[in-house]
Amino acid sequence: MNESIRKQRVQRVKMTDITEQKECEKSLNDGNKADILPVWYIYMIKTRLDTLYTGITTDVARRFKEHSRGSKKAARYLRGKGPLELMWHQEVGTKSDALKAEYKMKQLSKGEKLQIINKHSTIKASS
């Protein structure tokens, strides 16, 4: 693959994490076009107040650390509500799928969310 095409593809892919960007560049160098877009996940975190927070990310472990440490990137809702516990996560595919799944999850009652957690169920983005 010629260098200018590789650079254009890397520029088109907006990454939030330098590690993901390096992995993307490596896959482009290897010629593996299927790995260009990051995989998105939906997750639920339980707070010390026994509330559930739902979010999406490309890296569950990194995002959970951000929330737990109360960094500037942490969700405002979770600040001061620690200790936090990662209760459940699921791969959902594209960012669009993740946003749809997150919306659907946030429409559920707490009881329905707990059923998903306890049964290790999945939620589909499409209706």
Protein backbone atom coordinates (compact mmCIF):
# COMPACT_ATOMS: atom_id res chain seq x y z
CA MET A 1 0.00 0.00 0.00
CA ASN A 2 1.50 3.34 -0.92
CA GLU A 3 2.36 5.79 1.87
CA SER A 4 -0.01 8.62 0.85
CA ILE A 5 -3.06 6.33 0.77
CA ARG A 6 -2.08 4.90 4.17
CA LYS A 7 -1.80 8.39 5.68
CA GLN A 8 -5.16 9.45 4.23
CA ARG A 9 -6.86 6.40 5.75
CA VAL A 10 -5.28 6.98 9.14
CA GLN A 11 -6.39 10.62 9.07
CA ARG A 12 -9.97 9.62 8.24
CA VAL A 13 -10.20 7.32 11.23
CA LYS A 14 -10.77 9.49 14.31
CA MET A 15 -9.29 7.75 17.32
CA THR A 16 -9.66 8.66 20.97
CA ASP A 17 -6.79 6.53 22.17
CA ILE A 18 -3.21 6.56 20.88
CA THR A 19 -3.06 2.78 21.32
CA GLU A 20 -6.00 2.34 18.98
CA GLN A 21 -4.35 4.64 16.46
CA LYS A 22 -1.15 2.56 16.54
CA GLU A 23 -3.16 -0.64 16.10
CA CYS A 24 -4.99 0.96 13.19
CA GLU A 25 -1.71 2.01 11.56
CA LYS A 26 -0.32 -1.50 12.05
CA SER A 27 -3.37 -3.08 10.43
CA LEU A 28 -3.09 -0.67 7.50
CA ASN A 29 0.55 -1.60 7.09
CA ASP A 30 -0.42 -5.27 7.14
CA GLY A 31 -3.05 -4.55 4.48
CA ASN A 32 -5.91 -5.72 6.71
CA LYS A 33 -8.73 -3.31 5.84
CA ALA A 34 -11.29 -5.01 8.11
CA ASP A 35 -9.49 -3.77 11.25
CA ILE A 36 -9.63 -0.06 10.36
CA LEU A 37 -12.68 0.83 12.42
CA PRO A 38 -12.59 0.27 16.18
CA VAL A 39 -15.02 -2.10 17.87
CA TRP A 40 -17.49 -0.41 20.23
CA TYR A 41 -18.83 -1.73 23.52
CA ILE A 42 -21.76 -0.89 25.78
CA TYR A 43 -21.22 -1.19 29.53
CA MET A 44 -22.97 -0.74 32.88
CA ILE A 45 -21.36 0.47 36.10
CA LYS A 46 -22.87 0.24 39.58
CA THR A 47 -22.18 3.06 42.05
CA ARG A 48 -21.94 2.86 45.86
CA LEU A 49 -25.45 4.36 45.89
CA ASP A 50 -26.64 1.25 44.00
CA THR A 51 -27.46 3.20 40.82
CA LEU A 52 -26.57 1.96 37.35
CA TYR A 53 -24.75 4.04 34.74
CA THR A 54 -24.73 3.01 31.07
CA GLY A 55 -22.14 4.16 28.55
CA ILE A 56 -20.30 3.24 25.35
CA THR A 57 -16.59 3.05 24.54
CA THR A 58 -13.97 1.40 22.37
CA ASP A 59 -11.94 0.31 25.42
CA VAL A 60 -13.92 -0.80 28.47
CA ALA A 61 -10.93 -1.13 30.82
CA ARG A 62 -9.58 2.33 29.98
CA ARG A 63 -13.00 3.95 30.29
CA PHE A 64 -13.70 2.26 33.63
CA LYS A 65 -10.35 3.53 34.97
CA GLU A 66 -11.25 7.06 33.85
CA HIS A 67 -14.56 6.86 35.68
CA SER A 68 -13.01 5.28 38.80
CA ARG A 69 -10.26 7.87 39.08
CA GLY A 70 -12.67 10.75 38.64
CA SER A 71 -10.56 12.22 35.84
CA LYS A 72 -11.76 15.08 33.68
CA LYS A 73 -12.87 12.52 31.09
CA ALA A 74 -15.09 10.75 33.63
CA ALA A 75 -18.85 11.12 33.38
CA ARG A 76 -20.09 13.87 35.70
CA TYR A 77 -22.83 11.57 36.94
CA LEU A 78 -20.24 9.18 38.42
CA ARG A 79 -18.06 11.75 40.17
CA GLY A 80 -18.17 11.30 43.94
CA LYS A 81 -20.26 8.13 43.69
CA GLY A 82 -17.42 5.62 44.04
CA PRO A 83 -16.39 3.00 44.62
CA LEU A 84 -17.62 1.90 41.22
CA GLU A 85 -18.13 -1.64 40.00
CA LEU A 86 -18.14 -2.69 36.34
CA MET A 87 -21.21 -4.93 36.22
CA TRP A 88 -21.57 -5.84 32.55
CA HIS A 89 -20.24 -5.08 29.07
CA GLN A 90 -20.93 -6.31 25.56
CA GLU A 91 -19.37 -5.81 22.15
CA VAL A 92 -21.86 -4.12 19.82
CA GLY A 93 -19.84 -3.37 16.68
CA THR A 94 -19.91 0.10 15.16
CA LYS A 95 -20.35 3.41 16.93
CA SER A 96 -23.81 3.72 15.40
CA ASP A 97 -24.78 0.31 16.81
CA ALA A 98 -23.36 1.30 20.21
CA LEU A 99 -25.35 4.55 20.31
CA LYS A 100 -28.56 2.70 19.40
CA ALA A 101 -27.92 0.01 22.03
CA GLU A 102 -27.13 2.65 24.66
CA TYR A 103 -30.38 4.49 23.92
CA LYS A 104 -32.33 1.24 24.12
CA MET A 105 -30.61 0.28 27.41
CA LYS A 106 -31.36 3.68 28.96
CA GLN A 107 -35.08 3.16 28.22
CA LEU A 108 -35.14 0.03 30.40
CA SER A 109 -36.11 0.00 34.06
CA LYS A 110 -33.50 -0.80 36.70
CA GLY A 111 -35.07 -4.24 37.14
CA GLU A 112 -34.75 -5.01 33.44
CA LYS A 113 -31.11 -3.87 33.47
CA LEU A 114 -30.41 -6.12 36.47
CA GLN A 115 -31.94 -9.07 34.58
CA ILE A 116 -29.53 -8.42 31.71
CA ILE A 117 -26.61 -8.29 34.16
CA ASN A 118 -27.67 -11.41 36.09
CA LYS A 119 -28.41 -13.48 33.00
CA HIS A 120 -25.43 -12.11 31.05
CA SER A 121 -27.97 -11.30 28.38
CA THR A 122 -27.27 -9.24 25.30
CA ILE A 123 -29.00 -6.20 23.90
CA LYS A 124 -29.34 -5.57 20.19
CA ALA A 125 -28.99 -2.13 18.68
CA SER A 126 -31.68 -2.59 16.04
CA SER A 127 -35.33 -2.53 17.03
